[in-house]
Amino acid sequence: MFLLLFIVLLIQFFTYWIFEPLVSFSEYLLEIRLFPIIALIGLIFLFSAKNFERN
């Protein structure tokens, strides 16, 4: 049981160690002040898609 607990804690530690810089960078990139610009680009991309059914 303690071996299983140790393995789980080890996995959690390495998961935090690997993904914490990625999460920190994405949190900085997607701050509230940048969200309107990202949303506007997403909406422009969404509504500017060409209709491929007209042939």
PDB file of N, CA and C in Angstrom:
ATOM      1  N   MET A   1       0.817  -1.191   0.000  1.00  0.00           N
ATOM      2  CA  MET A   1       0.000   0.000   0.000  1.00  0.00           C
ATOM      3  C   MET A   1       0.865   1.261   0.000  1.00  0.00           C
ATOM      4  N   PHE A   2       1.922   1.252   0.807  1.00  0.00           N
ATOM      5  CA  PHE A   2       2.812   2.415   0.843  1.00  0.00           C
ATOM      6  C   PHE A   2       3.580   2.568  -0.467  1.00  0.00           C
ATOM      7  N   LEU A   3       3.878   1.456  -1.107  1.00  0.00           N
ATOM      8  CA  LEU A   3       4.543   1.523  -2.404  1.00  0.00           C
ATOM      9  C   LEU A   3       3.631   2.167  -3.442  1.00  0.00           C
ATOM     10  N   LEU A   4       2.364   1.819  -3.423  1.00  0.00           N
ATOM     11  CA  LEU A   4       1.399   2.429  -4.332  1.00  0.00           C
ATOM     12  C   LEU A   4       1.267   3.922  -4.054  1.00  0.00           C
ATOM     13  N   LEU A   5       1.200   4.308  -2.801  1.00  0.00           N
ATOM     14  CA  LEU A   5       1.124   5.714  -2.432  1.00  0.00           C
ATOM     15  C   LEU A   5       2.377   6.469  -2.870  1.00  0.00           C
ATOM     16  N   PHE A   6       3.531   5.861  -2.698  1.00  0.00           N
ATOM     17  CA  PHE A   6       4.781   6.480  -3.137  1.00  0.00           C
ATOM     18  C   PHE A   6       4.799   6.676  -4.652  1.00  0.00           C
ATOM     19  N   ILE A   7       4.344   5.684  -5.395  1.00  0.00           N
ATOM     20  CA  ILE A   7       4.322   5.792  -6.859  1.00  0.00           C
ATOM     21  C   ILE A   7       3.359   6.888  -7.299  1.00  0.00           C
ATOM     22  N   VAL A   8       2.195   6.973  -6.669  1.00  0.00           N
ATOM     23  CA  VAL A   8       1.231   8.018  -7.014  1.00  0.00           C
ATOM     24  C   VAL A   8       1.801   9.400  -6.708  1.00  0.00           C
ATOM     25  N   LEU A   9       2.433   9.555  -5.559  1.00  0.00           N
ATOM     26  CA  LEU A   9       3.041  10.844  -5.221  1.00  0.00           C
ATOM     27  C   LEU A   9       4.176  11.197  -6.177  1.00  0.00           C
ATOM     28  N   LEU A  10       4.928  10.210  -6.589  1.00  0.00           N
ATOM     29  CA  LEU A  10       5.995  10.443  -7.553  1.00  0.00           C
ATOM     30  C   LEU A  10       5.439  10.885  -8.905  1.00  0.00           C
ATOM     31  N   ILE A  11       4.362  10.249  -9.342  1.00  0.00           N
ATOM     32  CA  ILE A  11       3.717  10.635 -10.607  1.00  0.00           C
ATOM     33  C   ILE A  11       3.176  12.054 -10.506  1.00  0.00           C
ATOM     34  N   GLN A  12       2.558  12.392  -9.382  1.00  0.00           N
ATOM     35  CA  GLN A  12       2.045  13.755  -9.210  1.00  0.00           C
ATOM     36  C   GLN A  12       3.170  14.779  -9.211  1.00  0.00           C
ATOM     37  N   PHE A  13       4.282  14.465  -8.588  1.00  0.00           N
ATOM     38  CA  PHE A  13       5.412  15.389  -8.554  1.00  0.00           C
ATOM     39  C   PHE A  13       5.957  15.630  -9.962  1.00  0.00           C
ATOM     40  N   PHE A  14       6.163  14.556 -10.729  1.00  0.00           N
ATOM     41  CA  PHE A  14       6.706  14.728 -12.071  1.00  0.00           C
ATOM     42  C   PHE A  14       5.704  15.380 -13.014  1.00  0.00           C
ATOM     43  N   THR A  15       4.415  15.128 -12.806  1.00  0.00           N
ATOM     44  CA  THR A  15       3.401  15.804 -13.620  1.00  0.00           C
ATOM     45  C   THR A  15       3.433  17.299 -13.354  1.00  0.00           C
ATOM     46  N   TYR A  16       3.518  17.691 -12.098  1.00  0.00           N
ATOM     47  CA  TYR A  16       3.617  19.114 -11.756  1.00  0.00           C
ATOM     48  C   TYR A  16       4.897  19.714 -12.320  1.00  0.00           C
ATOM     49  N   TRP A  17       5.991  18.996 -12.229  1.00  0.00           N
ATOM     50  CA  TRP A  17       7.281  19.485 -12.690  1.00  0.00           C
ATOM     51  C   TRP A  17       7.302  19.687 -14.199  1.00  0.00           C
ATOM     52  N   ILE A  18       6.610  18.824 -14.933  1.00  0.00           N
ATOM     53  CA  ILE A  18       6.598  18.927 -16.390  1.00  0.00           C
ATOM     54  C   ILE A  18       5.597  19.976 -16.865  1.00  0.00           C
ATOM     55  N   PHE A  19       4.379  19.990 -16.295  1.00  0.00           N
ATOM     56  CA  PHE A  19       3.316  20.833 -16.842  1.00  0.00           C
ATOM     57  C   PHE A  19       3.204  22.205 -16.190  1.00  0.00           C
ATOM     58  N   GLU A  20       3.857  22.443 -15.064  1.00  0.00           N
ATOM     59  CA  GLU A  20       3.742  23.748 -14.413  1.00  0.00           C
ATOM     60  C   GLU A  20       4.279  24.885 -15.276  1.00  0.00           C
ATOM     61  N   PRO A  21       5.416  24.742 -15.965  1.00  0.00           N
ATOM     62  CA  PRO A  21       5.847  25.848 -16.848  1.00  0.00           C
ATOM     63  C   PRO A  21       4.892  26.089 -18.015  1.00  0.00           C
ATOM     64  N   LEU A  22       4.309  25.032 -18.565  1.00  0.00           N
ATOM     65  CA  LEU A  22       3.354  25.203 -19.666  1.00  0.00           C
ATOM     66  C   LEU A  22       2.098  25.925 -19.192  1.00  0.00           C
ATOM     67  N   VAL A  23       1.612  25.557 -18.024  1.00  0.00           N
ATOM     68  CA  VAL A  23       0.416  26.198 -17.480  1.00  0.00           C
ATOM     69  C   VAL A  23       0.708  27.652 -17.131  1.00  0.00           C
ATOM     70  N   SER A  24       1.858  27.916 -16.584  1.00  0.00           N
ATOM     71  CA  SER A  24       2.227  29.286 -16.247  1.00  0.00           C
ATOM     72  C   SER A  24       2.321  30.150 -17.504  1.00  0.00           C
ATOM     73  N   PHE A  25       2.917  29.618 -18.564  1.00  0.00           N
ATOM     74  CA  PHE A  25       3.030  30.373 -19.812  1.00  0.00           C
ATOM     75  C   PHE A  25       1.666  30.610 -20.435  1.00  0.00           C
ATOM     76  N   SER A  26       0.806  29.584 -20.451  1.00  0.00           N
ATOM     77  CA  SER A  26      -0.519  29.762 -21.040  1.00  0.00           C
ATOM     78  C   SER A  26      -1.375  30.709 -20.204  1.00  0.00           C
ATOM     79  N   GLU A  27      -1.181  30.711 -18.886  1.00  0.00           N
ATOM     80  CA  GLU A  27      -1.899  31.654 -18.039  1.00  0.00           C
ATOM     81  C   GLU A  27      -1.462  33.081 -18.345  1.00  0.00           C
ATOM     82  N   TYR A  28      -0.177  33.281 -18.568  1.00  0.00           N
ATOM     83  CA  TYR A  28       0.308  34.618 -18.930  1.00  0.00           C
ATOM     84  C   TYR A  28      -0.210  35.025 -20.308  1.00  0.00           C
ATOM     85  N   LEU A  29      -0.239  34.078 -21.242  1.00  0.00           N
ATOM     86  CA  LEU A  29      -0.658  34.379 -22.605  1.00  0.00           C
ATOM     87  C   LEU A  29      -2.150  34.671 -22.690  1.00  0.00           C
ATOM     88  N   LEU A  30      -2.942  33.976 -21.898  1.00  0.00           N
ATOM     89  CA  LEU A  30      -4.390  34.118 -21.979  1.00  0.00           C
ATOM     90  C   LEU A  30      -4.953  34.938 -20.821  1.00  0.00           C
ATOM     91  N   GLU A  31      -4.265  35.992 -20.473  1.00  0.00           N
ATOM     92  CA  GLU A  31      -4.771  36.866 -19.421  1.00  0.00           C
ATOM     93  C   GLU A  31      -6.042  37.551 -19.897  1.00  0.00           C
ATOM     94  N   ILE A  32      -6.763  38.115 -18.955  1.00  0.00           N
ATOM     95  CA  ILE A  32      -8.051  38.739 -19.259  1.00  0.00           C
ATOM     96  C   ILE A  32      -7.884  39.873 -20.271  1.00  0.00           C
ATOM     97  N   ARG A  33      -6.780  40.597 -20.213  1.00  0.00           N
ATOM     98  CA  ARG A  33      -6.617  41.726 -21.126  1.00  0.00           C
ATOM     99  C   ARG A  33      -6.381  41.270 -22.563  1.00  0.00           C
ATOM    100  N   LEU A  34      -5.893  40.049 -22.765  1.00  0.00           N
ATOM    101  CA  LEU A  34      -5.687  39.542 -24.119  1.00  0.00           C
ATOM    102  C   LEU A  34      -6.880  38.758 -24.649  1.00  0.00           C
ATOM    103  N   PHE A  35      -7.841  38.431 -23.774  1.00  0.00           N
ATOM    104  CA  PHE A  35      -8.958  37.597 -24.190  1.00  0.00           C
ATOM    105  C   PHE A  35      -9.817  38.234 -25.277  1.00  0.00           C
ATOM    106  N   PRO A  36     -10.145  39.541 -25.243  1.00  0.00           N
ATOM    107  CA  PRO A  36     -10.956  40.119 -26.327  1.00  0.00           C
ATOM    108  C   PRO A  36     -10.287  40.021 -27.701  1.00  0.00           C
ATOM    109  N   ILE A  37      -8.980  40.176 -27.746  1.00  0.00           N
ATOM    110  CA  ILE A  37      -8.269  40.081 -29.031  1.00  0.00           C
ATOM    111  C   ILE A  37      -8.318  38.643 -29.554  1.00  0.00           C
ATOM    112  N   ILE A  38      -8.096  37.689 -28.666  1.00  0.00           N
ATOM    113  CA  ILE A  38      -8.125  36.285 -29.073  1.00  0.00           C
ATOM    114  C   ILE A  38      -9.536  35.886 -29.498  1.00  0.00           C
ATOM    115  N   ALA A  39     -10.553  36.359 -28.764  1.00  0.00           N
ATOM    116  CA  ALA A  39     -11.935  36.051 -29.108  1.00  0.00           C
ATOM    117  C   ALA A  39     -12.314  36.670 -30.447  1.00  0.00           C
ATOM    118  N   LEU A  40     -11.871  37.891 -30.711  1.00  0.00           N
ATOM    119  CA  LEU A  40     -12.169  38.549 -31.980  1.00  0.00           C
ATOM    120  C   LEU A  40     -11.528  37.806 -33.147  1.00  0.00           C
ATOM    121  N   ILE A  41     -10.293  37.380 -32.989  1.00  0.00           N
ATOM    122  CA  ILE A  41      -9.623  36.603 -34.040  1.00  0.00           C
ATOM    123  C   ILE A  41     -10.357  35.280 -34.269  1.00  0.00           C
ATOM    124  N   GLY A  42     -10.791  34.643 -33.177  1.00  0.00           N
ATOM    125  CA  GLY A  42     -11.534  33.389 -33.309  1.00  0.00           C
ATOM    126  C   GLY A  42     -12.855  33.582 -34.029  1.00  0.00           C
ATOM    127  N   LEU A  43     -13.584  34.651 -33.715  1.00  0.00           N
ATOM    128  CA  LEU A  43     -14.854  34.902 -34.394  1.00  0.00           C
ATOM    129  C   LEU A  43     -14.655  35.229 -35.867  1.00  0.00           C
ATOM    130  N   ILE A  44     -13.636  36.002 -36.188  1.00  0.00           N
ATOM    131  CA  ILE A  44     -13.349  36.306 -37.594  1.00  0.00           C
ATOM    132  C   ILE A  44     -13.020  35.034 -38.350  1.00  0.00           C
ATOM    133  N   PHE A  45     -12.221  34.175 -37.748  1.00  0.00           N
ATOM    134  CA  PHE A  45     -11.884  32.912 -38.392  1.00  0.00           C
ATOM    135  C   PHE A  45     -13.107  32.020 -38.544  1.00  0.00           C
ATOM    136  N   LEU A  46     -13.979  32.019 -37.546  1.00  0.00           N
ATOM    137  CA  LEU A  46     -15.159  31.164 -37.587  1.00  0.00           C
ATOM    138  C   LEU A  46     -16.131  31.596 -38.672  1.00  0.00           C
ATOM    139  N   PHE A  47     -16.381  32.894 -38.792  1.00  0.00           N
ATOM    140  CA  PHE A  47     -17.371  33.376 -39.744  1.00  0.00           C
ATOM    141  C   PHE A  47     -16.800  33.694 -41.117  1.00  0.00           C
ATOM    142  N   SER A  48     -15.500  33.577 -41.300  1.00  0.00           N
ATOM    143  CA  SER A  48     -14.932  33.822 -42.621  1.00  0.00           C
ATOM    144  C   SER A  48     -14.673  32.526 -43.372  1.00  0.00           C
ATOM    145  N   ALA A  49     -15.099  31.384 -42.834  1.00  0.00           N
ATOM    146  CA  ALA A  49     -14.901  30.105 -43.511  1.00  0.00           C
ATOM    147  C   ALA A  49     -15.732  30.073 -44.787  1.00  0.00           C
ATOM    148  N   LYS A  50     -15.108  29.610 -45.846  1.00  0.00           N
ATOM    149  CA  LYS A  50     -15.803  29.552 -47.130  1.00  0.00           C
ATOM    150  C   LYS A  50     -16.756  28.370 -47.150  1.00  0.00           C
ATOM    151  N   ASN A  51     -17.841  28.520 -47.884  1.00  0.00           N
ATOM    152  CA  ASN A  51     -18.829  27.457 -47.993  1.00  0.00           C
ATOM    153  C   ASN A  51     -18.400  26.531 -49.126  1.00  0.00           C
ATOM    154  N   PHE A  52     -18.021  25.315 -48.772  1.00  0.00           N
ATOM    155  CA  PHE A  52     -17.540  24.376 -49.771  1.00  0.00           C
ATOM    156  C   PHE A  52     -18.660  23.575 -50.395  1.00  0.00           C
ATOM    157  N   GLU A  53     -19.927  23.789 -49.969  1.00  0.00           N
ATOM    158  CA  GLU A  53     -21.034  23.025 -50.533  1.00  0.00           C
ATOM    159  C   GLU A  53     -21.505  23.587 -51.867  1.00  0.00           C
ATOM    160  N   ARG A  54     -21.105  24.775 -52.208  1.00  0.00           N
ATOM    161  CA  ARG A  54     -21.482  25.347 -53.505  1.00  0.00           C
ATOM    162  C   ARG A  54     -20.535  24.875 -54.577  1.00  0.00           C
ATOM    163  N   ASN A  55     -20.989  23.966 -55.388  1.00  0.00           N
ATOM    164  CA  ASN A  55     -20.149  23.458 -56.513  1.00  0.00           C
ATOM    165  C   ASN A  55     -20.964  23.415 -57.789  1.00  0.00           C
TER     166      ASN A  55
END
